[in-house]
Amino acid sequence: MNNSRSHDSIRAVLWRGDRLRLLDQRKLPFVEDYIDCQSADEVAQAIRDLVVRGAPAIGIAAAWGVVLAAQRGRFALDTALPILRAARPTAVNLMWALDRMQARVAEGADAIALEHEAQAIQDEDLAANRRMGALGASLIEPGSDVLTHCNTGSLATAGYGTALGVIRAGFSEGRIQHVYAGETRPWLQGARLTMWELVRDQIPATLIADSAASHLMKCGQVKWVIVGADRIAANGDVANKIGTCQLAIAARHHGVRFMVVAPSSTVDLTTAHGDDIEIELRDPTELLSHAGSRTVVEGAQAWNPVFDVTPANLIDAIVSERGIIERPDTGKLRTLFG
């Protein structure tokens, strides 16, 4: 296991005893500003507004939202759980974390016990990320260039990251020499967040337009595409940031290998296949403007799905803290996660 603490300098979700402090990811990379949430309602709003984002980080934040509610009493706790569940529908980590917290509530846990449970969820995620980093890096030949999509680093998790954790570990071990990051429209998580993390941790990186990815692969520049996941169905289909599926299609065409990195909490064995995953649709105006200024003619319409589903047969490896599944299918997922 890679125990290196280098290239890991960011924590976006911070518990402060009576409030949850979140690094406001809407303002990055130019402003590093934190907001304090003092209620479950404020945590749910921060999740909806993308102050905090990334499937594991959403789950962690929601767990702390339960603690804030418990500090206010049983009525606040009963009210908070459905509000937190409704914050975003696609990332299964949110439901997983809330199910875990609700089970402790059902056992009679008080606010202090719930605080310990939320801290355990956060600590376990960081440990899982380090484990996944080591496992995923072991698949990559030394000196490789890789491509990643969206943001899957410390900003999206308890720290280190999922796909970006593999990249951090791979760079530390000399397996990865250069990273290409897609910009990830419309919120530009790759351009604003992933590049910020990579530059901050001095990992060589180049930004590309989303539409340049296939040409990059054709030129032979990358050996792996490495992405995260918001939900993995029982058959190995993967819901992830919109644009992931087209990267997998291009990778298969150009002979580039495709890796999905996600903790076991992202695996949903109750969802048989990707067609059953609810895909979140966000406000179309996110596509019609940039930084608050409209860029598209008045009267134009837009369609804004946040995620797509990559079929299992386009995935070379799924990496979790429990191990590596190559060429995933239902049997292999049930063996590892059932």
Protein backbone atom coordinates (compact mmCIF):
# COMPACT_ATOMS: atom_id res chain seq x y z
CA MET A 1 0.00 0.00 0.00
CA ASN A 2 1.25 3.49 -0.84
CA ASN A 3 1.71 5.30 2.47
CA SER A 4 3.08 8.48 0.92
CA ARG A 5 1.53 11.67 2.25
CA SER A 6 2.93 13.74 -0.60
CA HIS A 7 0.67 15.26 -3.22
CA ASP A 8 -2.20 15.37 -0.72
CA SER A 9 -2.62 18.85 0.74
CA ILE A 10 -6.36 19.60 0.50
CA ARG A 11 -9.30 18.96 2.83
CA ALA A 12 -12.66 20.29 1.65
CA VAL A 13 -14.97 18.97 4.42
CA LEU A 14 -14.05 20.02 7.95
CA TRP A 15 -16.02 19.30 11.14
CA ARG A 16 -15.83 22.06 13.76
CA GLY A 17 -17.89 20.61 16.62
CA ASP A 18 -21.00 22.75 16.16
CA ARG A 19 -20.78 23.44 12.41
CA LEU A 20 -19.58 21.93 9.16
CA ARG A 21 -17.03 23.98 7.26
CA LEU A 22 -17.01 23.44 3.48
CA LEU A 23 -14.55 24.75 0.92
CA ASP A 24 -16.80 26.56 -1.57
CA GLN A 25 -15.91 24.80 -4.82
CA ARG A 26 -17.97 27.22 -6.90
CA LYS A 27 -15.33 29.92 -6.32
CA LEU A 28 -12.22 27.90 -7.10
CA PRO A 29 -9.55 28.25 -8.39
CA PHE A 30 -9.31 31.98 -7.78
CA VAL A 31 -10.89 32.29 -4.34
CA GLU A 32 -10.37 29.82 -1.48
CA ASP A 33 -13.41 30.56 0.64
CA TYR A 34 -15.15 28.42 3.24
CA ILE A 35 -18.78 28.47 4.31
CA ASP A 36 -20.10 27.25 7.65
CA CYS A 37 -23.23 25.12 7.77
CA GLN A 38 -24.95 25.10 11.16
CA SER A 39 -28.01 23.03 10.26
CA ALA A 40 -28.96 20.05 8.14
CA ASP A 41 -30.96 22.37 5.89
CA GLU A 42 -27.85 24.40 5.18
CA VAL A 43 -25.87 21.22 4.42
CA ALA A 44 -28.57 20.04 2.00
CA GLN A 45 -28.56 23.42 0.28
CA ALA A 46 -24.77 23.33 -0.03
CA ILE A 47 -25.03 19.92 -1.68
CA ARG A 48 -27.69 21.12 -4.11
CA ASP A 49 -25.75 24.27 -4.96
CA LEU A 50 -22.47 22.38 -5.59
CA VAL A 51 -20.63 24.07 -2.75
CA VAL A 52 -19.61 20.50 -1.97
CA ARG A 53 -19.60 17.91 -4.77
CA GLY A 54 -18.20 14.51 -5.63
CA ALA A 55 -20.05 11.38 -4.56
CA PRO A 56 -17.97 10.48 -1.47
CA ALA A 57 -17.80 14.10 -0.23
CA ILE A 58 -21.56 14.46 -0.61
CA GLY A 59 -22.09 11.40 1.56
CA ILE A 60 -19.65 12.63 4.19
CA ALA A 61 -21.26 16.07 4.29
CA ALA A 62 -24.72 14.53 4.63
CA ALA A 63 -23.53 12.40 7.57
CA TRP A 64 -22.36 15.57 9.33
CA GLY A 65 -25.73 17.13 8.48
CA VAL A 66 -27.36 14.34 10.51
CA VAL A 67 -25.10 15.21 13.44
CA LEU A 68 -26.08 18.88 13.26
CA ALA A 69 -29.74 17.86 13.30
CA ALA A 70 -29.20 15.51 16.24
CA GLN A 71 -27.66 18.35 18.22
CA ARG A 72 -31.00 20.18 17.90
CA GLY A 73 -33.16 17.28 19.04
CA ARG A 74 -35.23 14.37 17.76
CA PHE A 75 -37.73 16.44 15.79
CA ALA A 76 -34.97 18.18 13.87
CA LEU A 77 -33.34 14.80 13.21
CA ASP A 78 -36.54 13.23 11.83
CA THR A 79 -37.08 16.26 9.59
CA ALA A 80 -33.50 16.40 8.36
CA LEU A 81 -33.14 12.87 6.99
CA PRO A 82 -35.60 13.19 4.08
CA ILE A 83 -34.31 16.67 3.23
CA LEU A 84 -30.75 15.39 3.00
CA ARG A 85 -31.83 12.36 0.95
CA ALA A 86 -33.51 14.58 -1.62
CA ALA A 87 -30.49 16.86 -2.10
CA ARG A 88 -29.15 14.97 -5.18
CA PRO A 89 -30.52 11.74 -6.65
CA THR A 90 -27.77 9.98 -8.62
CA ALA A 91 -24.78 9.53 -6.28
CA VAL A 92 -25.47 6.42 -4.20
CA ASN A 93 -22.88 7.42 -1.56
CA LEU A 94 -25.36 10.00 -0.25
CA MET A 95 -27.99 7.32 0.41
CA TRP A 96 -25.38 4.89 1.75
CA ALA A 97 -24.08 7.37 4.31
CA LEU A 98 -27.58 8.37 5.40
CA ASP A 99 -28.65 4.71 5.69
CA ARG A 100 -25.65 4.11 7.93
CA MET A 101 -26.46 7.14 10.08
CA GLN A 102 -30.16 6.23 10.24
CA ALA A 103 -29.28 2.73 11.42
CA ARG A 104 -27.36 4.25 14.32
CA VAL A 105 -30.34 6.51 15.08
CA ALA A 106 -32.59 3.43 15.17
CA GLU A 107 -30.20 1.87 17.69
CA GLY A 108 -30.68 4.88 19.95
CA ALA A 109 -27.44 6.71 19.23
CA ASP A 110 -27.26 10.21 20.65
CA ALA A 111 -25.56 13.21 19.03
CA ILE A 112 -22.14 12.24 20.39
CA ALA A 113 -22.42 8.68 19.06
CA LEU A 114 -23.59 10.01 15.71
CA GLU A 115 -20.60 12.36 15.63
CA HIS A 116 -18.32 9.35 16.08
CA GLU A 117 -20.12 7.54 13.25
CA ALA A 118 -19.80 10.48 10.86
CA GLN A 119 -16.10 10.77 11.70
CA ALA A 120 -15.70 7.05 11.01
CA ILE A 121 -17.33 7.47 7.59
CA GLN A 122 -14.90 10.28 6.77
CA ASP A 123 -11.83 8.43 8.09
CA GLU A 124 -12.75 5.23 6.28
CA ASP A 125 -13.12 7.11 3.01
CA LEU A 126 -9.61 8.55 3.29
CA ALA A 127 -8.17 5.11 4.04
CA ALA A 128 -10.10 3.61 1.13
CA ASN A 129 -8.76 6.28 -1.22
CA ARG A 130 -5.16 5.50 -0.27
CA ARG A 131 -5.79 1.79 -0.78
CA MET A 132 -7.42 2.39 -4.18
CA GLY A 133 -4.56 4.65 -5.17
CA ALA A 134 -2.06 1.87 -4.60
CA LEU A 135 -4.17 -0.79 -6.33
CA GLY A 136 -4.99 1.32 -9.36
CA ALA A 137 -1.42 2.53 -9.80
CA SER A 138 -0.22 -1.08 -9.88
CA LEU A 139 -2.04 -1.54 -13.23
CA ILE A 140 -0.15 1.29 -14.96
CA GLU A 141 3.14 0.82 -16.75
CA PRO A 142 5.94 3.17 -15.59
CA GLY A 143 6.26 6.37 -17.57
CA SER A 144 2.65 6.48 -18.76
CA ASP A 145 0.54 9.51 -19.60
CA VAL A 146 -3.12 9.35 -18.53
CA LEU A 147 -6.38 11.24 -19.11
CA THR A 148 -8.94 12.01 -16.43
CA HIS A 149 -12.40 13.58 -16.45
CA CYS A 150 -14.23 15.85 -14.00
CA ASN A 151 -12.79 16.11 -10.48
CA THR A 152 -12.17 13.02 -8.38
CA GLY A 153 -9.54 14.30 -5.97
CA SER A 154 -9.41 15.60 -2.42
CA LEU A 155 -12.16 18.08 -3.25
CA ALA A 156 -14.55 15.23 -4.06
CA THR A 157 -13.67 12.96 -1.13
CA ALA A 158 -12.30 12.95 2.40
CA GLY A 159 -8.87 13.46 0.85
CA TYR A 160 -6.40 12.02 -1.70
CA GLY A 161 -9.16 11.08 -4.13
CA THR A 162 -10.49 8.15 -6.14
CA ALA A 163 -9.31 8.42 -9.75
CA LEU A 164 -7.08 11.31 -8.77
CA GLY A 165 -5.84 9.19 -5.88
CA VAL A 166 -4.62 6.63 -8.41
CA ILE A 167 -2.95 9.46 -10.30
CA ARG A 168 -1.32 10.77 -7.12
CA ALA A 169 -0.04 7.31 -6.20
CA GLY A 170 1.03 6.61 -9.78
CA PHE A 171 2.98 9.84 -9.98
CA SER A 172 4.66 9.22 -6.63
CA GLU A 173 5.74 5.78 -7.85
CA GLY A 174 6.97 6.97 -11.24
CA ARG A 175 4.25 5.11 -13.12
CA ILE A 176 2.51 8.29 -14.32
CA GLN A 177 4.59 11.06 -15.83
CA HIS A 178 1.90 13.39 -17.16
CA VAL A 179 -1.83 13.97 -16.70
CA TYR A 180 -4.32 15.34 -19.23
CA ALA A 181 -7.51 16.75 -17.73
CA GLY A 182 -10.71 17.36 -19.69
CA GLU A 183 -12.36 20.69 -18.92
CA THR A 184 -15.73 19.04 -18.04
CA ARG A 185 -18.51 21.34 -19.18
CA PRO A 186 -20.69 23.03 -18.07
CA TRP A 187 -19.29 23.53 -14.55
CA LEU A 188 -15.66 23.08 -15.65
CA GLN A 189 -14.74 20.82 -12.76
CA GLY A 190 -11.73 19.56 -14.68
CA ALA A 191 -10.51 23.02 -15.63
CA ARG A 192 -11.27 24.76 -12.33
CA LEU A 193 -10.80 21.99 -9.77
CA THR A 194 -8.67 19.14 -11.11
CA MET A 195 -6.08 21.46 -12.63
CA TRP A 196 -6.02 23.41 -9.34
CA GLU A 197 -5.30 20.22 -7.39
CA LEU A 198 -2.66 18.98 -9.83
CA VAL A 199 -0.82 22.31 -10.06
CA ARG A 200 -1.01 22.77 -6.29
CA ASP A 201 0.57 19.34 -5.74
CA GLN A 202 3.14 19.86 -8.51
CA ILE A 203 1.94 17.00 -10.72
CA PRO A 204 2.63 17.76 -14.43
CA ALA A 205 -0.71 18.36 -16.14
CA THR A 206 -2.23 19.74 -19.33
CA LEU A 207 -5.82 20.90 -19.78
CA ILE A 208 -7.71 19.88 -22.93
CA ALA A 209 -11.14 20.73 -24.29
CA ASP A 210 -13.58 17.86 -23.77
CA SER A 211 -13.90 17.55 -27.53
CA ALA A 212 -10.13 17.04 -27.94
CA ALA A 213 -10.01 13.75 -26.02
CA SER A 214 -10.46 11.38 -28.96
CA HIS A 215 -7.80 13.19 -30.99
CA LEU A 216 -5.45 12.98 -28.01
CA MET A 217 -5.98 9.22 -27.87
CA LYS A 218 -5.49 8.87 -31.61
CA CYS A 219 -2.13 10.63 -31.31
CA GLY A 220 -1.02 7.93 -28.87
CA GLN A 221 -0.54 10.35 -26.01
CA VAL A 222 -2.34 8.39 -23.27
CA LYS A 223 -2.29 4.79 -22.04
CA TRP A 224 -5.21 4.96 -19.61
CA VAL A 225 -8.38 6.94 -19.06
CA ILE A 226 -8.99 7.06 -15.29
CA VAL A 227 -12.37 8.24 -13.95
CA GLY A 228 -14.47 8.06 -10.82
CA ALA A 229 -18.09 7.00 -10.39
CA ASP A 230 -21.29 8.20 -8.76
CA ARG A 231 -23.02 4.83 -8.90
CA ILE A 232 -21.97 1.37 -10.07
CA ALA A 233 -24.80 -1.01 -10.93
CA ALA A 234 -24.74 -4.73 -10.14
CA ASN A 235 -23.67 -5.63 -13.68
CA GLY A 236 -20.76 -3.16 -13.70
CA ASP A 237 -22.43 -0.32 -15.60
CA VAL A 238 -21.13 2.99 -14.25
CA ALA A 239 -22.88 6.33 -13.83
CA ASN A 240 -20.39 9.17 -13.82
CA LYS A 241 -20.06 12.79 -14.92
CA ILE A 242 -21.61 13.52 -18.30
CA GLY A 243 -19.06 12.86 -21.04
CA THR A 244 -17.61 9.73 -19.44
CA CYS A 245 -19.35 7.31 -21.81
CA GLN A 246 -18.01 8.99 -24.93
CA LEU A 247 -14.49 8.78 -23.45
CA ALA A 248 -14.96 5.03 -22.93
CA ILE A 249 -16.16 4.58 -26.52
CA ALA A 250 -13.19 6.54 -27.87
CA ALA A 251 -10.77 4.66 -25.61
CA ARG A 252 -11.99 1.29 -26.87
CA HIS A 253 -11.69 2.45 -30.49
CA HIS A 254 -8.14 3.72 -30.00
CA GLY A 255 -6.85 0.86 -27.83
CA VAL A 256 -6.60 2.94 -24.66
CA ARG A 257 -7.48 1.19 -21.39
CA PHE A 258 -10.31 2.51 -19.22
CA MET A 259 -10.30 2.43 -15.40
CA VAL A 260 -13.09 3.32 -12.96
CA VAL A 261 -12.04 4.06 -9.37
CA ALA A 262 -14.66 4.20 -6.61
CA PRO A 263 -15.12 2.99 -3.02
CA SER A 264 -17.39 0.07 -2.22
CA SER A 265 -20.02 2.55 -0.99
CA THR A 266 -20.52 3.56 -4.65
CA VAL A 267 -21.54 0.03 -5.65
CA ASP A 268 -25.31 -0.48 -5.69
CA LEU A 269 -26.16 -4.16 -6.03
CA THR A 270 -29.89 -3.34 -5.77
CA THR A 271 -29.66 -1.60 -9.17
CA ALA A 272 -29.44 -4.35 -11.78
CA HIS A 273 -28.03 -2.28 -14.63
CA GLY A 274 -27.34 1.25 -15.72
CA ASP A 275 -30.73 1.82 -17.33
CA ASP A 276 -32.25 1.79 -13.82
CA ILE A 277 -30.09 4.67 -12.53
CA GLU A 278 -31.87 7.99 -12.19
CA ILE A 279 -29.94 10.63 -14.11
CA GLU A 280 -30.09 14.06 -12.52
CA LEU A 281 -31.13 16.94 -14.78
CA ARG A 282 -29.98 20.37 -13.71
CA ASP A 283 -31.16 23.82 -14.69
CA PRO A 284 -30.69 24.34 -18.48
CA THR A 285 -29.48 27.88 -17.82
CA GLU A 286 -26.16 26.38 -16.67
CA LEU A 287 -25.48 25.72 -20.36
CA LEU A 288 -26.75 29.07 -21.56
CA SER A 289 -24.40 31.28 -19.57
CA HIS A 290 -20.88 31.42 -18.17
CA ALA A 291 -19.83 33.16 -14.95
CA GLY A 292 -23.22 34.82 -14.76
CA SER A 293 -23.18 36.21 -18.31
CA ARG A 294 -25.42 34.75 -20.99
CA THR A 295 -23.49 33.28 -23.94
CA VAL A 296 -26.40 31.92 -26.02
CA VAL A 297 -29.06 33.82 -27.91
CA GLU A 298 -32.32 34.52 -26.08
CA GLY A 299 -34.97 31.93 -26.86
CA ALA A 300 -32.48 29.05 -27.21
CA GLN A 301 -33.26 25.84 -25.33
CA ALA A 302 -30.81 23.52 -23.56
CA TRP A 303 -30.74 20.00 -22.11
CA ASN A 304 -28.48 19.51 -19.10
CA PRO A 305 -28.07 15.93 -17.81
CA VAL A 306 -25.33 15.79 -15.18
CA PHE A 307 -24.34 12.14 -15.62
CA ASP A 308 -24.27 9.40 -18.23
CA VAL A 309 -23.90 5.62 -17.97
CA THR A 310 -20.89 3.74 -19.32
CA PRO A 311 -21.65 0.08 -20.13
CA ALA A 312 -19.57 -2.50 -18.29
CA ASN A 313 -18.26 -3.96 -21.54
CA LEU A 314 -16.31 -0.74 -22.19
CA ILE A 315 -14.54 -0.85 -18.81
CA ASP A 316 -11.20 -2.61 -18.41
CA ALA A 317 -11.00 -2.37 -14.63
CA ILE A 318 -13.05 -1.27 -11.64
CA VAL A 319 -10.85 -0.48 -8.65
CA SER A 320 -12.23 -0.29 -5.10
CA GLU A 321 -10.61 -0.61 -1.69
CA ARG A 322 -11.69 -4.26 -1.73
CA GLY A 323 -9.76 -5.10 -4.86
CA ILE A 324 -9.60 -4.91 -8.65
CA ILE A 325 -12.23 -6.29 -11.01
CA GLU A 326 -11.03 -6.62 -14.58
CA ARG A 327 -13.68 -6.86 -17.32
CA PRO A 328 -16.52 -6.39 -14.80
CA ASP A 329 -19.78 -8.33 -14.88
CA THR A 330 -22.55 -9.27 -12.45
CA GLY A 331 -20.83 -12.38 -11.12
CA LYS A 332 -17.56 -10.63 -10.39
CA LEU A 333 -19.27 -7.70 -8.65
CA ARG A 334 -21.39 -9.97 -6.48
CA THR A 335 -18.34 -12.03 -5.52
CA LEU A 336 -16.43 -8.94 -4.36
CA PHE A 337 -19.26 -6.82 -2.96
CA GLY A 338 -22.06 -9.24 -2.14
